C-alpha atoms as a PDB file:
ATOM      1  CA  VAL A   1       1.131  11.513  10.266  1.00  0.00           C
ATOM      2  CA  GLU A   2      -2.286  10.277  11.651  1.00  0.00           C
ATOM      3  CA  LEU A   3      -5.737  10.671   9.927  1.00  0.00           C
ATOM      4  CA  GLU A   4      -8.900   8.770  10.456  1.00  0.00           C
ATOM      5  CA  SER A   5     -12.523   8.670   9.404  1.00  0.00           C
ATOM      6  CA  LEU A   6     -12.361  11.680   6.840  1.00  0.00           C
ATOM      7  CA  ARG A   7     -12.997  12.046   3.304  1.00  0.00           C
ATOM      8  CA  LEU A   8     -10.116  13.368   1.447  1.00  0.00           C
ATOM      9  CA  SER A   9     -10.450  15.074  -1.869  1.00  0.00           C
ATOM     10  CA  PHE A  10      -8.138  13.845  -4.625  1.00  0.00           C
ATOM     11  CA  HIS A  11      -6.335  17.054  -4.393  1.00  0.00           C
ATOM     12  CA  HIS A  12      -5.675  16.908  -0.671  1.00  0.00           C
ATOM     13  CA  ALA A  13      -4.450  13.329  -1.020  1.00  0.00           C
ATOM     14  CA  VAL A  14      -1.944  14.486  -3.546  1.00  0.00           C
ATOM     15  CA  GLU A  15      -0.802  17.082  -1.291  1.00  0.00           C
ATOM     16  CA  LEU A  16      -0.631  14.543   1.599  1.00  0.00           C
ATOM     17  CA  CYS A  17       1.503  12.300  -0.476  1.00  0.00           C
ATOM     18  CA  ALA A  18       3.652  15.197  -1.448  1.00  0.00           C
ATOM     19  CA  PHE A  19       4.238  15.859   2.235  1.00  0.00           C
ATOM     20  CA  ILE A  20       5.131  12.273   2.986  1.00  0.00           C
ATOM     21  CA  ALA A  21       7.532  12.048   0.171  1.00  0.00           C
ATOM     22  CA  ASN A  22       9.371  15.425   1.044  1.00  0.00           C
ATOM     23  CA  ASN A  23       9.365  15.160   4.943  1.00  0.00           C
ATOM     24  CA  ARG A  24      12.277  12.956   6.016  1.00  0.00           C
ATOM     25  CA  THR A  25      11.093  13.047   9.760  1.00  0.00           C
ATOM     26  CA  VAL A  26       7.934  11.094   8.947  1.00  0.00           C
ATOM     27  CA  ARG A  27       8.428   7.552  10.333  1.00  0.00           C
ATOM     28  CA  LYS A  28       4.710   6.475  10.759  1.00  0.00           C
ATOM     29  CA  VAL A  29       1.881   6.950   8.506  1.00  0.00           C
ATOM     30  CA  SER A  30      -1.701   6.041   9.602  1.00  0.00           C
ATOM     31  CA  LEU A  31      -4.415   6.894   7.067  1.00  0.00           C
ATOM     32  CA  ARG A  32      -7.497   4.806   8.315  1.00  0.00           C
ATOM     33  CA  LYS A  33     -11.040   4.933   6.940  1.00  0.00           C
ATOM     34  CA  LEU A  34     -10.342   7.775   4.494  1.00  0.00           C
ATOM     35  CA  GLY A  35     -11.798   6.230   1.377  1.00  0.00           C
ATOM     36  CA  LEU A  36      -8.494   6.007  -0.434  1.00  0.00           C
ATOM     37  CA  ASP A  37      -8.709   4.142  -3.767  1.00  0.00           C
ATOM     38  CA  GLN A  38      -6.118   2.591  -5.865  1.00  0.00           C
ATOM     39  CA  GLU A  39      -5.098   5.807  -7.574  1.00  0.00           C
ATOM     40  CA  VAL A  40      -4.093   7.358  -3.995  1.00  0.00           C
ATOM     41  CA  ALA A  41      -2.477   4.169  -3.131  1.00  0.00           C
ATOM     42  CA  SER A  42      -0.270   4.274  -6.263  1.00  0.00           C
ATOM     43  CA  LEU A  43       0.665   8.015  -5.353  1.00  0.00           C
ATOM     44  CA  LEU A  44       1.387   6.978  -1.793  1.00  0.00           C
ATOM     45  CA  ALA A  45       3.661   4.133  -3.039  1.00  0.00           C
ATOM     46  CA  GLN A  46       5.607   6.600  -5.064  1.00  0.00           C
ATOM     47  CA  SER A  47       5.948   8.774  -1.871  1.00  0.00           C
ATOM     48  CA  LEU A  48       7.281   5.896   0.003  1.00  0.00           C
ATOM     49  CA  GLY A  49       9.732   5.211  -2.821  1.00  0.00           C
ATOM     50  CA  VAL A  50      11.113   8.812  -2.263  1.00  0.00           C
ATOM     51  CA  ASN A  51      10.952   8.824   1.590  1.00  0.00           C
ATOM     52  CA  THR A  52      12.528   5.523   2.599  1.00  0.00           C
ATOM     53  CA  LYS A  53      12.501   6.644   6.372  1.00  0.00           C
ATOM     54  CA  VAL A  54       8.838   5.560   6.840  1.00  0.00           C
ATOM     55  CA  THR A  55       8.879   2.376   8.928  1.00  0.00           C
ATOM     56  CA  SER A  56       5.102   1.917   9.629  1.00  0.00           C
ATOM     57  CA  LEU A  57       2.075   2.271   7.134  1.00  0.00           C
ATOM     58  CA  ASP A  58      -1.519   1.724   8.275  1.00  0.00           C
ATOM     59  CA  LEU A  59      -4.167   1.846   5.531  1.00  0.00           C
ATOM     60  CA  ARG A  60      -6.887   0.033   7.476  1.00  0.00           C
ATOM     61  CA  GLU A  61     -10.263   0.036   5.961  1.00  0.00           C
ATOM     62  CA  ASN A  62      -9.918   2.124   2.731  1.00  0.00           C
ATOM     63  CA  ASN A  63     -10.664   1.019  -0.754  1.00  0.00           C
ATOM     64  CA  ILE A  64      -7.168   0.628  -2.280  1.00  0.00           C
ATOM     65  CA  GLY A  65      -8.270  -2.782  -3.835  1.00  0.00           C
ATOM     66  CA  GLU A  66     -11.224  -1.234  -5.793  1.00  0.00           C
ATOM     67  CA  PRO A  67     -11.053   0.785  -8.990  1.00  0.00           C
ATOM     68  CA  PRO A  68     -11.233   4.505  -8.852  1.00  0.00           C
ATOM     69  CA  ARG A  69     -14.533   6.072  -8.550  1.00  0.00           C
ATOM     70  CA  SER A  70     -13.883   8.788 -11.165  1.00  0.00           C
ATOM     71  CA  SER A  71     -11.141  10.201 -13.323  1.00  0.00           C
ATOM     72  CA  HIS A  72      -9.137  13.042 -11.855  1.00  0.00           C
ATOM     73  CA  HIS A  73      -7.311  16.175 -13.159  1.00  0.00           C
ATOM     74  CA  LEU A  74      -4.433  16.716 -15.376  1.00  0.00           C
ATOM     75  CA  LEU A  75      -1.799  16.326 -12.680  1.00  0.00           C
ATOM     76  CA  PHE A  76      -2.851  12.612 -12.179  1.00  0.00           C
ATOM     77  CA  PHE A  77      -2.606  12.074 -15.762  1.00  0.00           C
ATOM     78  CA  PHE A  78       1.091  13.316 -15.773  1.00  0.00           C
ATOM     79  CA  LEU A  79       1.783  11.065 -12.850  1.00  0.00           C
ATOM     80  CA  LEU A  80       0.276   8.066 -14.703  1.00  0.00           C
ATOM     81  CA  VAL A  81       2.657   8.809 -17.576  1.00  0.00           C
ATOM     82  CA  LEU A  82       5.630   8.820 -15.243  1.00  0.00           C
ATOM     83  CA  ARG A  83       4.778   5.694 -13.546  1.00  0.00           C
ATOM     84  CA  PRO A  84       1.719   3.689 -14.355  1.00  0.00           C
ATOM     85  CA  PRO A  85      -0.200   1.947 -11.421  1.00  0.00           C
ATOM     86  CA  GLY A  86      -1.306  -1.671 -11.753  1.00  0.00           C
ATOM     87  CA  PRO A  87      -4.920  -2.522 -11.676  1.00  0.00           C
ATOM     88  CA  GLU A  88      -4.979  -2.562  -7.732  1.00  0.00           C
ATOM     89  CA  GLY A  89      -3.520  -0.376  -5.207  1.00  0.00           C
ATOM     90  CA  ALA A  90      -1.758  -3.478  -3.607  1.00  0.00           C
ATOM     91  CA  LYS A  91       0.422  -3.750  -6.780  1.00  0.00           C
ATOM     92  CA  ALA A  92       1.838  -0.262  -6.416  1.00  0.00           C
ATOM     93  CA  LEU A  93       2.596  -0.968  -2.659  1.00  0.00           C
ATOM     94  CA  SER A  94       4.201  -4.298  -3.550  1.00  0.00           C
ATOM     95  CA  ALA A  95       6.671  -2.360  -5.862  1.00  0.00           C
ATOM     96  CA  VAL A  96       7.591  -0.301  -2.897  1.00  0.00           C
ATOM     97  CA  LEU A  97       8.206  -3.475  -0.682  1.00  0.00           C
ATOM     98  CA  ARG A  98      10.478  -4.902  -3.381  1.00  0.00           C
ATOM     99  CA  SER A  99      12.497  -1.771  -3.759  1.00  0.00           C
ATOM    100  CA  ARG A 100      14.510   0.138  -1.133  1.00  0.00           C
ATOM    101  CA  CYS A 101      11.810   0.398   1.290  1.00  0.00           C
ATOM    102  CA  SER A 102      12.187   0.451   5.193  1.00  0.00           C
ATOM    103  CA  LEU A 103       8.639  -0.344   6.151  1.00  0.00           C
ATOM    104  CA  LYS A 104       8.422  -2.621   9.182  1.00  0.00           C
ATOM    105  CA  THR A 105       4.651  -2.643   9.533  1.00  0.00           C
ATOM    106  CA  LEU A 106       1.950  -2.548   6.934  1.00  0.00           C
ATOM    107  CA  SER A 107      -1.685  -2.844   7.720  1.00  0.00           C
ATOM    108  CA  LEU A 108      -4.062  -3.302   4.749  1.00  0.00           C
ATOM    109  CA  TYR A 109      -6.932  -4.488   6.660  1.00  0.00           C
ATOM    110  CA  GLY A 110     -10.434  -4.080   4.950  1.00  0.00           C
ATOM    111  CA  ASN A 111      -9.207  -2.738   1.576  1.00  0.00           C
ATOM    112  CA  ALA A 112     -10.894  -5.021  -0.877  1.00  0.00           C
ATOM    113  CA  ILE A 113      -7.635  -6.463  -1.969  1.00  0.00           C
ATOM    114  CA  THR A 114      -8.343  -9.389  -4.291  1.00  0.00           C
ATOM    115  CA  THR A 115      -6.262 -12.511  -5.001  1.00  0.00           C
ATOM    116  CA  VAL A 116      -4.445 -10.565  -7.813  1.00  0.00           C
ATOM    117  CA  GLY A 117      -3.242  -8.049  -5.227  1.00  0.00           C
ATOM    118  CA  ALA A 118      -2.301 -10.743  -2.683  1.00  0.00           C
ATOM    119  CA  CYS A 119      -0.183 -12.439  -5.430  1.00  0.00           C
ATOM    120  CA  GLU A 120       1.582  -9.201  -5.980  1.00  0.00           C
ATOM    121  CA  LEU A 121       2.252  -8.760  -2.419  1.00  0.00           C
ATOM    122  CA  ALA A 122       3.459 -12.494  -2.117  1.00  0.00           C
ATOM    123  CA  ARG A 123       6.036 -11.691  -4.820  1.00  0.00           C
ATOM    124  CA  ALA A 124       7.175  -8.558  -2.984  1.00  0.00           C
ATOM    125  CA  LEU A 125       7.425 -10.485   0.343  1.00  0.00           C
ATOM    126  CA  GLU A 126       9.948 -12.846  -1.290  1.00  0.00           C
ATOM    127  CA  HIS A 127      12.327  -9.951  -1.868  1.00  0.00           C
ATOM    128  CA  ASN A 128      11.666  -7.737   1.144  1.00  0.00           C
ATOM    129  CA  SER A 129      14.029  -8.014   4.139  1.00  0.00           C
ATOM    130  CA  THR A 130      12.568  -5.354   6.503  1.00  0.00           C
ATOM    131  CA  LEU A 131       8.816  -5.933   6.875  1.00  0.00           C
ATOM    132  CA  SER A 132       7.960  -7.741  10.161  1.00  0.00           C
ATOM    133  CA  GLN A 133       4.228  -7.335  10.441  1.00  0.00           C
ATOM    134  CA  LEU A 134       1.654  -7.572   7.685  1.00  0.00           C
ATOM    135  CA  ASP A 135      -2.162  -7.290   8.240  1.00  0.00           C
ATOM    136  CA  LEU A 136      -4.327  -8.408   5.355  1.00  0.00           C
ATOM    137  CA  GLY A 137      -7.425  -9.183   7.389  1.00  0.00           C
ATOM    138  CA  ASP A 138     -11.096  -8.643   6.044  1.00  0.00           C
ATOM    139  CA  ASN A 139     -10.011  -8.595   2.259  1.00  0.00           C
ATOM    140  CA  LEU A 140     -11.156 -10.515  -0.719  1.00  0.00           C
ATOM    141  CA  ILE A 141      -8.257 -12.894  -1.010  1.00  0.00           C
ATOM    142  CA  GLU A 142      -9.255 -16.480  -2.263  1.00  0.00           C
ATOM    143  CA  ASP A 143      -7.336 -19.633  -1.962  1.00  0.00           C
ATOM    144  CA  GLU A 144      -4.767 -19.011  -4.752  1.00  0.00           C
ATOM    145  CA  GLY A 145      -3.712 -15.863  -3.069  1.00  0.00           C
ATOM    146  CA  LEU A 146      -3.378 -17.420   0.224  1.00  0.00           C
ATOM    147  CA  VAL A 147      -1.286 -20.185  -1.175  1.00  0.00           C
ATOM    148  CA  ARG A 148       1.032 -17.685  -2.816  1.00  0.00           C
ATOM    149  CA  ILE A 149       1.374 -15.801   0.462  1.00  0.00           C
ATOM    150  CA  SER A 150       2.096 -19.037   2.414  1.00  0.00           C
ATOM    151  CA  LYS A 151       4.980 -19.842  -0.187  1.00  0.00           C
ATOM    152  CA  ALA A 152       6.428 -16.498   0.090  1.00  0.00           C
ATOM    153  CA  LEU A 153       6.637 -16.923   3.857  1.00  0.00           C
ATOM    154  CA  VAL A 154       9.091 -19.801   3.351  1.00  0.00           C
ATOM    155  CA  LYS A 155      11.418 -17.333   1.517  1.00  0.00           C
ATOM    156  CA  THR A 156      11.066 -14.235   3.757  1.00  0.00           C
ATOM    157  CA  THR A 157      13.303 -14.024   6.886  1.00  0.00           C
ATOM    158  CA  SER A 158      11.766 -10.807   8.374  1.00  0.00           C
ATOM    159  CA  LEU A 159       8.081 -11.323   8.577  1.00  0.00           C
ATOM    160  CA  THR A 160       7.193 -12.467  12.161  1.00  0.00           C
ATOM    161  CA  SER A 161       3.447 -11.584  12.090  1.00  0.00           C
ATOM    162  CA  LEU A 162       0.678 -12.120   9.519  1.00  0.00           C
ATOM    163  CA  GLN A 163      -2.850 -11.260   9.987  1.00  0.00           C
ATOM    164  CA  LEU A 164      -5.351 -12.809   7.700  1.00  0.00           C
ATOM    165  CA  GLN A 165      -8.694 -12.472   9.464  1.00  0.00           C
END
């Protein structure tokens, strides 16, 4: 699945997440420059929790670290009740990395991920044994987040490439 430089409505993003969750032949997901916010990142994380065959996720230049721009319809309310997202999309993706995920590459370049999101990702890295490449460049991660990530690198055995610029 590859999409770039589009503006997806929330409704279409929900449909895309459902497709990813239900299509076991999907191995690579590239959703660049789509304006995805943390609500959609949470839905995508749920999709990856269902479809554990996805090995590559590229979310470059979205807005998953930023709060949602508006509240959405009733469907999202029910999804929130079933699985509340954290304050950032990075938290939801971190939960996937800690679970039965098979991601090998994850690009979160340019997503306004803050130190809080970086700390969540660091915790996930400590428990993940499949991720080999992670791109966190062009985000809002401060020293505390970088320190947490560097400590997580000592505990992970699979990560071979980390981009921070």
